[in-house]
C-alpha atoms as a PDB file:
ATOM      1  CA  UNK A   1       9.890  -1.439  11.363  1.00  0.00           C
ATOM      2  CA  UNK A   2       7.854   1.114  13.384  1.00  0.00           C
ATOM      3  CA  UNK A   3       6.782   4.476  12.053  1.00  0.00           C
ATOM      4  CA  UNK A   4       7.337   7.676  14.063  1.00  0.00           C
ATOM      5  CA  UNK A   5       4.987   8.274  16.971  1.00  0.00           C
ATOM      6  CA  UNK A   6       2.288  10.239  15.203  1.00  0.00           C
ATOM      7  CA  UNK A   7      -1.430   9.982  14.607  1.00  0.00           C
ATOM      8  CA  UNK A   8      -3.199  10.563  11.308  1.00  0.00           C
ATOM      9  CA  UNK A   9      -6.322  12.671  11.031  1.00  0.00           C
ATOM     10  CA  UNK A  10      -6.803  12.994   7.300  1.00  0.00           C
ATOM     11  CA  UNK A  11      -5.289  12.149   3.960  1.00  0.00           C
ATOM     12  CA  UNK A  12      -2.318  14.249   2.916  1.00  0.00           C
ATOM     13  CA  UNK A  13      -1.733  12.510  -0.404  1.00  0.00           C
ATOM     14  CA  UNK A  14      -3.975  10.825  -3.016  1.00  0.00           C
ATOM     15  CA  UNK A  15      -4.479   7.123  -2.349  1.00  0.00           C
ATOM     16  CA  UNK A  16      -5.969   4.151  -4.145  1.00  0.00           C
ATOM     17  CA  UNK A  17      -9.120   2.953  -2.429  1.00  0.00           C
ATOM     18  CA  UNK A  18      -9.914  -0.753  -2.202  1.00  0.00           C
ATOM     19  CA  UNK A  19     -13.196  -0.222  -0.361  1.00  0.00           C
ATOM     20  CA  UNK A  20     -15.420  -1.372  -3.229  1.00  0.00           C
ATOM     21  CA  UNK A  21     -15.919  -5.006  -4.148  1.00  0.00           C
ATOM     22  CA  UNK A  22     -14.519  -6.073  -7.481  1.00  0.00           C
ATOM     23  CA  UNK A  23     -11.288  -5.644  -9.383  1.00  0.00           C
ATOM     24  CA  UNK A  24      -8.731  -2.873  -8.862  1.00  0.00           C
ATOM     25  CA  UNK A  25      -5.882  -2.695 -11.355  1.00  0.00           C
ATOM     26  CA  UNK A  26      -2.655  -1.006 -10.227  1.00  0.00           C
ATOM     27  CA  UNK A  27       1.021  -0.829 -11.134  1.00  0.00           C
ATOM     28  CA  UNK A  28       3.274  -0.880  -8.081  1.00  0.00           C
ATOM     29  CA  UNK A  29       6.284   1.393  -8.570  1.00  0.00           C
ATOM     30  CA  UNK A  30       8.062   1.313  -5.193  1.00  0.00           C
ATOM     31  CA  UNK A  31       9.310  -0.994  -2.481  1.00  0.00           C
ATOM     32  CA  UNK A  32       6.974  -1.282   0.525  1.00  0.00           C
ATOM     33  CA  UNK A  33       7.040   0.647   3.776  1.00  0.00           C
ATOM     34  CA  UNK A  34       5.589  -1.150   6.800  1.00  0.00           C
ATOM     35  CA  UNK A  35       3.398   0.068   9.652  1.00  0.00           C
ATOM     36  CA  UNK A  36       1.469  -1.248  12.631  1.00  0.00           C
ATOM     37  CA  UNK A  37      -1.772   0.617  13.221  1.00  0.00           C
ATOM     38  CA  UNK A  38      -4.793   0.728  15.509  1.00  0.00           C
ATOM     39  CA  UNK A  39      -8.295   1.540  14.314  1.00  0.00           C
ATOM     40  CA  UNK A  40     -10.161   3.656  16.873  1.00  0.00           C
ATOM     41  CA  UNK A  41     -13.876   2.955  16.618  1.00  0.00           C
ATOM     42  CA  UNK A  42     -14.902   6.056  18.560  1.00  0.00           C
ATOM     43  CA  UNK A  43     -12.894   8.370  16.315  1.00  0.00           C
ATOM     44  CA  UNK A  44     -13.354   6.356  13.110  1.00  0.00           C
ATOM     45  CA  UNK A  45      -9.716   6.709  12.163  1.00  0.00           C
ATOM     46  CA  UNK A  46      -6.446   4.845  12.305  1.00  0.00           C
ATOM     47  CA  UNK A  47      -3.411   5.798  14.370  1.00  0.00           C
ATOM     48  CA  UNK A  48       0.139   4.524  14.290  1.00  0.00           C
ATOM     49  CA  UNK A  49       1.210   2.033  16.910  1.00  0.00           C
ATOM     50  CA  UNK A  50       4.002   3.511  19.033  1.00  0.00           C
ATOM     51  CA  UNK A  51       5.384   0.153  20.136  1.00  0.00           C
ATOM     52  CA  UNK A  52       3.970  -2.181  22.749  1.00  0.00           C
ATOM     53  CA  UNK A  53       6.023  -0.745  25.591  1.00  0.00           C
ATOM     54  CA  UNK A  54       4.823   2.836  25.107  1.00  0.00           C
ATOM     55  CA  UNK A  55       1.626   2.664  23.023  1.00  0.00           C
ATOM     56  CA  UNK A  56      -1.470   3.710  24.943  1.00  0.00           C
ATOM     57  CA  UNK A  57      -3.703   1.870  22.491  1.00  0.00           C
ATOM     58  CA  UNK A  58      -1.803  -1.395  22.996  1.00  0.00           C
ATOM     59  CA  UNK A  59      -2.156  -0.941  26.757  1.00  0.00           C
ATOM     60  CA  UNK A  60      -5.891  -0.330  26.283  1.00  0.00           C
ATOM     61  CA  UNK A  61      -6.207  -3.609  24.401  1.00  0.00           C
ATOM     62  CA  UNK A  62      -6.933  -2.121  20.977  1.00  0.00           C
ATOM     63  CA  UNK A  63      -5.984  -4.640  18.283  1.00  0.00           C
ATOM     64  CA  UNK A  64      -3.077  -3.671  16.028  1.00  0.00           C
ATOM     65  CA  UNK A  65      -2.925  -4.417  12.331  1.00  0.00           C
ATOM     66  CA  UNK A  66       0.010  -4.852   9.971  1.00  0.00           C
ATOM     67  CA  UNK A  67      -0.038  -2.510   6.962  1.00  0.00           C
ATOM     68  CA  UNK A  68       2.157  -2.072   3.903  1.00  0.00           C
ATOM     69  CA  UNK A  69       2.357   1.116   1.844  1.00  0.00           C
ATOM     70  CA  UNK A  70       3.406   1.292  -1.816  1.00  0.00           C
ATOM     71  CA  UNK A  71       3.562   3.968  -4.482  1.00  0.00           C
ATOM     72  CA  UNK A  72       1.336   2.789  -7.307  1.00  0.00           C
ATOM     73  CA  UNK A  73      -0.222   3.971 -10.545  1.00  0.00           C
ATOM     74  CA  UNK A  74      -4.016   3.886 -10.548  1.00  0.00           C
ATOM     75  CA  UNK A  75      -4.814   2.026 -13.778  1.00  0.00           C
ATOM     76  CA  UNK A  76      -8.576   2.210 -13.194  1.00  0.00           C
ATOM     77  CA  UNK A  77      -8.391   5.986 -13.144  1.00  0.00           C
ATOM     78  CA  UNK A  78      -6.363   5.948 -16.362  1.00  0.00           C
ATOM     79  CA  UNK A  79      -8.938   3.715 -18.053  1.00  0.00           C
ATOM     80  CA  UNK A  80     -11.850   5.872 -16.909  1.00  0.00           C
ATOM     81  CA  UNK A  81     -10.140   9.013 -18.193  1.00  0.00           C
ATOM     82  CA  UNK A  82      -9.401   7.360 -21.542  1.00  0.00           C
ATOM     83  CA  UNK A  83     -13.043   6.341 -21.952  1.00  0.00           C
ATOM     84  CA  UNK A  84     -14.134   9.869 -21.094  1.00  0.00           C
ATOM     85  CA  UNK A  85     -11.704  11.966 -23.121  1.00  0.00           C
ATOM     86  CA  UNK A  86      -9.845   9.592 -25.402  1.00  0.00           C
ATOM     87  CA  UNK A  87      -6.595  10.599 -23.689  1.00  0.00           C
ATOM     88  CA  UNK A  88      -4.572   8.348 -21.409  1.00  0.00           C
ATOM     89  CA  UNK A  89      -3.921  10.112 -18.117  1.00  0.00           C
ATOM     90  CA  UNK A  90      -0.395   9.883 -16.740  1.00  0.00           C
ATOM     91  CA  UNK A  91       1.262  10.951 -13.524  1.00  0.00           C
ATOM     92  CA  UNK A  92      -1.417   9.534 -11.222  1.00  0.00           C
ATOM     93  CA  UNK A  93       0.997   8.007  -8.713  1.00  0.00           C
ATOM     94  CA  UNK A  94      -0.867   7.380  -5.472  1.00  0.00           C
ATOM     95  CA  UNK A  95      -0.465   5.736  -2.076  1.00  0.00           C
ATOM     96  CA  UNK A  96      -1.609   2.117  -1.897  1.00  0.00           C
ATOM     97  CA  UNK A  97      -2.216   0.527   1.511  1.00  0.00           C
ATOM     98  CA  UNK A  98      -2.639  -3.238   1.785  1.00  0.00           C
ATOM     99  CA  UNK A  99      -2.719  -5.891   4.472  1.00  0.00           C
ATOM    100  CA  UNK A 100      -1.024  -9.239   4.890  1.00  0.00           C
ATOM    101  CA  UNK A 101      -3.014 -11.196   2.300  1.00  0.00           C
ATOM    102  CA  UNK A 102      -2.085  -8.895  -0.598  1.00  0.00           C
ATOM    103  CA  UNK A 103       1.503  -8.628   0.613  1.00  0.00           C
ATOM    104  CA  UNK A 104       1.821 -12.403   0.894  1.00  0.00           C
ATOM    105  CA  UNK A 105       0.420 -12.815  -2.615  1.00  0.00           C
ATOM    106  CA  UNK A 106       3.090 -10.428  -3.924  1.00  0.00           C
ATOM    107  CA  UNK A 107       5.721 -12.364  -2.004  1.00  0.00           C
ATOM    108  CA  UNK A 108       4.576 -15.579  -3.659  1.00  0.00           C
ATOM    109  CA  UNK A 109       4.704 -13.987  -7.117  1.00  0.00           C
ATOM    110  CA  UNK A 110       8.186 -12.598  -6.497  1.00  0.00           C
ATOM    111  CA  UNK A 111       9.734 -16.074  -6.399  1.00  0.00           C
ATOM    112  CA  UNK A 112       7.750 -17.787  -9.142  1.00  0.00           C
ATOM    113  CA  UNK A 113       9.709 -18.270 -12.389  1.00  0.00           C
ATOM    114  CA  UNK A 114       7.020 -16.709 -14.585  1.00  0.00           C
ATOM    115  CA  UNK A 115       6.464 -13.696 -12.317  1.00  0.00           C
ATOM    116  CA  UNK A 116       9.824 -13.279 -10.607  1.00  0.00           C
ATOM    117  CA  UNK A 117      10.809  -9.746  -9.611  1.00  0.00           C
ATOM    118  CA  UNK A 118      13.361  -8.132  -7.340  1.00  0.00           C
ATOM    119  CA  UNK A 119      12.554  -4.513  -6.521  1.00  0.00           C
ATOM    120  CA  UNK A 120       9.053  -4.036  -7.995  1.00  0.00           C
ATOM    121  CA  UNK A 121       6.865  -6.113 -10.324  1.00  0.00           C
ATOM    122  CA  UNK A 122       7.401  -5.449 -14.030  1.00  0.00           C
ATOM    123  CA  UNK A 123       3.700  -5.910 -14.664  1.00  0.00           C
ATOM    124  CA  UNK A 124       0.342  -4.630 -13.481  1.00  0.00           C
ATOM    125  CA  UNK A 125      -1.601  -6.551 -10.861  1.00  0.00           C
ATOM    126  CA  UNK A 126      -5.341  -6.848 -10.292  1.00  0.00           C
ATOM    127  CA  UNK A 127      -6.419  -6.827  -6.647  1.00  0.00           C
ATOM    128  CA  UNK A 128      -9.867  -8.368  -6.313  1.00  0.00           C
ATOM    129  CA  UNK A 129     -11.917  -7.703  -3.221  1.00  0.00           C
ATOM    130  CA  UNK A 130     -14.815  -9.892  -2.095  1.00  0.00           C
ATOM    131  CA  UNK A 131     -16.881  -9.479   1.054  1.00  0.00           C
ATOM    132  CA  UNK A 132     -16.891  -6.805   3.725  1.00  0.00           C
ATOM    133  CA  UNK A 133     -15.400  -6.075   7.126  1.00  0.00           C
ATOM    134  CA  UNK A 134     -14.119  -9.257   8.823  1.00  0.00           C
ATOM    135  CA  UNK A 135     -15.298 -11.388   5.893  1.00  0.00           C
ATOM    136  CA  UNK A 136     -13.246  -9.458   3.338  1.00  0.00           C
ATOM    137  CA  UNK A 137     -11.004 -11.525   1.076  1.00  0.00           C
ATOM    138  CA  UNK A 138      -8.396 -10.287  -1.393  1.00  0.00           C
ATOM    139  CA  UNK A 139      -6.742 -12.060  -4.291  1.00  0.00           C
ATOM    140  CA  UNK A 140      -3.939 -10.834  -6.532  1.00  0.00           C
ATOM    141  CA  UNK A 141      -3.732 -11.660 -10.235  1.00  0.00           C
ATOM    142  CA  UNK A 142      -0.687 -10.667 -12.308  1.00  0.00           C
ATOM    143  CA  UNK A 143      -1.172  -9.188 -15.769  1.00  0.00           C
ATOM    144  CA  UNK A 144       1.001  -9.788 -18.819  1.00  0.00           C
ATOM    145  CA  UNK A 145       4.443  -8.190 -18.285  1.00  0.00           C
ATOM    146  CA  UNK A 146       4.703  -4.813 -19.966  1.00  0.00           C
ATOM    147  CA  UNK A 147       7.174  -1.957 -19.481  1.00  0.00           C
ATOM    148  CA  UNK A 148       5.931   1.377 -18.240  1.00  0.00           C
ATOM    149  CA  UNK A 149       5.082   3.863 -20.956  1.00  0.00           C
ATOM    150  CA  UNK A 150       7.568   6.677 -21.391  1.00  0.00           C
ATOM    151  CA  UNK A 151       5.067   9.129 -19.885  1.00  0.00           C
ATOM    152  CA  UNK A 152       4.389   6.943 -16.843  1.00  0.00           C
ATOM    153  CA  UNK A 153       8.113   6.317 -16.322  1.00  0.00           C
ATOM    154  CA  UNK A 154       8.773  10.065 -16.347  1.00  0.00           C
ATOM    155  CA  UNK A 155       5.906  10.656 -13.913  1.00  0.00           C
ATOM    156  CA  UNK A 156       7.292   8.055 -11.509  1.00  0.00           C
ATOM    157  CA  UNK A 157      10.814   9.432 -11.830  1.00  0.00           C
ATOM    158  CA  UNK A 158       9.672  12.947 -10.966  1.00  0.00           C
ATOM    159  CA  UNK A 159       7.279  11.929  -8.197  1.00  0.00           C
ATOM    160  CA  UNK A 160       7.840  11.927  -4.460  1.00  0.00           C
ATOM    161  CA  UNK A 161       9.415   8.821  -2.975  1.00  0.00           C
ATOM    162  CA  UNK A 162       7.291   6.355  -1.005  1.00  0.00           C
ATOM    163  CA  UNK A 163       8.947   7.590   2.198  1.00  0.00           C
ATOM    164  CA  UNK A 164       8.024  11.188   1.383  1.00  0.00           C
ATOM    165  CA  UNK A 165       4.451  10.169   0.544  1.00  0.00           C
ATOM    166  CA  UNK A 166       3.967   8.276   3.804  1.00  0.00           C
ATOM    167  CA  UNK A 167       5.569  11.081   5.817  1.00  0.00           C
ATOM    168  CA  UNK A 168       3.225  13.570   4.178  1.00  0.00           C
ATOM    169  CA  UNK A 169       0.236  11.337   4.772  1.00  0.00           C
ATOM    170  CA  UNK A 170       1.072  11.166   8.483  1.00  0.00           C
ATOM    171  CA  UNK A 171       1.783  14.874   8.750  1.00  0.00           C
ATOM    172  CA  UNK A 172       5.521  14.537   9.362  1.00  0.00           C
ATOM    173  CA  UNK A 173       7.741  17.533   8.698  1.00  0.00           C
ATOM    174  CA  UNK A 174      11.010  17.364   6.775  1.00  0.00           C
ATOM    175  CA  UNK A 175      12.944  17.303  10.035  1.00  0.00           C
ATOM    176  CA  UNK A 176      11.092  14.320  11.504  1.00  0.00           C
ATOM    177  CA  UNK A 177      12.469  10.821  11.482  1.00  0.00           C
ATOM    178  CA  UNK A 178      10.342   9.140   8.864  1.00  0.00           C
ATOM    179  CA  UNK A 179       9.917   5.517   7.815  1.00  0.00           C
ATOM    180  CA  UNK A 180      12.406   3.656   5.691  1.00  0.00           C
ATOM    181  CA  UNK A 181      11.657   1.217   2.862  1.00  0.00           C
ATOM    182  CA  UNK A 182      11.762  -2.451   3.733  1.00  0.00           C
ATOM    183  CA  UNK A 183      14.481  -4.713   2.424  1.00  0.00           C
ATOM    184  CA  UNK A 184      12.109  -6.230  -0.138  1.00  0.00           C
ATOM    185  CA  UNK A 185      14.445  -5.362  -3.018  1.00  0.00           C
ATOM    186  CA  UNK A 186      15.635  -8.932  -2.517  1.00  0.00           C
ATOM    187  CA  UNK A 187      12.721 -11.235  -3.440  1.00  0.00           C
ATOM    188  CA  UNK A 188      13.872 -13.789  -0.884  1.00  0.00           C
ATOM    189  CA  UNK A 189      13.348 -11.210   1.849  1.00  0.00           C
ATOM    190  CA  UNK A 190       9.902 -10.427   0.483  1.00  0.00           C
ATOM    191  CA  UNK A 191       8.908 -14.090   0.455  1.00  0.00           C
ATOM    192  CA  UNK A 192      10.376 -14.792   3.901  1.00  0.00           C
ATOM    193  CA  UNK A 193       8.542 -11.949   5.658  1.00  0.00           C
ATOM    194  CA  UNK A 194       5.808 -13.710   7.603  1.00  0.00           C
ATOM    195  CA  UNK A 195       2.539 -12.039   8.674  1.00  0.00           C
ATOM    196  CA  UNK A 196       2.068 -11.494  12.394  1.00  0.00           C
ATOM    197  CA  UNK A 197      -1.698 -11.175  12.370  1.00  0.00           C
ATOM    198  CA  UNK A 198      -4.670 -12.192  10.297  1.00  0.00           C
ATOM    199  CA  UNK A 199      -5.626  -9.785   7.552  1.00  0.00           C
ATOM    200  CA  UNK A 200      -8.598  -7.504   8.078  1.00  0.00           C
ATOM    201  CA  UNK A 201     -10.179  -4.844   5.934  1.00  0.00           C
ATOM    202  CA  UNK A 202      -7.547  -2.196   4.992  1.00  0.00           C
ATOM    203  CA  UNK A 203     -10.188  -0.044   3.324  1.00  0.00           C
ATOM    204  CA  UNK A 204     -11.524   0.791   6.782  1.00  0.00           C
ATOM    205  CA  UNK A 205      -8.491   3.049   7.262  1.00  0.00           C
ATOM    206  CA  UNK A 206      -9.693   6.623   6.715  1.00  0.00           C
ATOM    207  CA  UNK A 207      -6.452   8.308   5.609  1.00  0.00           C
END
């Protein structure tokens, strides 16, 4: 499902960074939105693929990469704030961008009896990063199922949708044709969606 024909030059919304090695705990709170992107080495930024028939970067031979965007709560930020002030921060819904390996891991979880989910996981996940650049590997570990706190649930309810967040990130106006969520509400669809390319380092995307 292609995004509109736009380029991104800077982050428009807060996002969860996976650039550091180690564990990153998040709570996904939306269905995914898909994108194909090119990373331009000379400009050190990513741009949306416009489709192979019309994309200048495809014609120039620049490799495209499959990306998935989610709305997610940054649990690490909540923990850090709690250690600092003794108060649990809420409302920190951010944009999470992952590649095929993390998406496939979620797809696998979605059909396992102990971790089954339909629209979004009912538990936190820990995304562990090891390595760098082309040697980067990601694993996904589910945490014990736990409902969202009342404060987090209210923050998610009042927050922008994943479509609005991605549109804002890519600088799309309200009148533009933005992306639409994938059909991953059905876990069978999530599990059946096959990657088209090997996963590379999504943290190299400078939003």
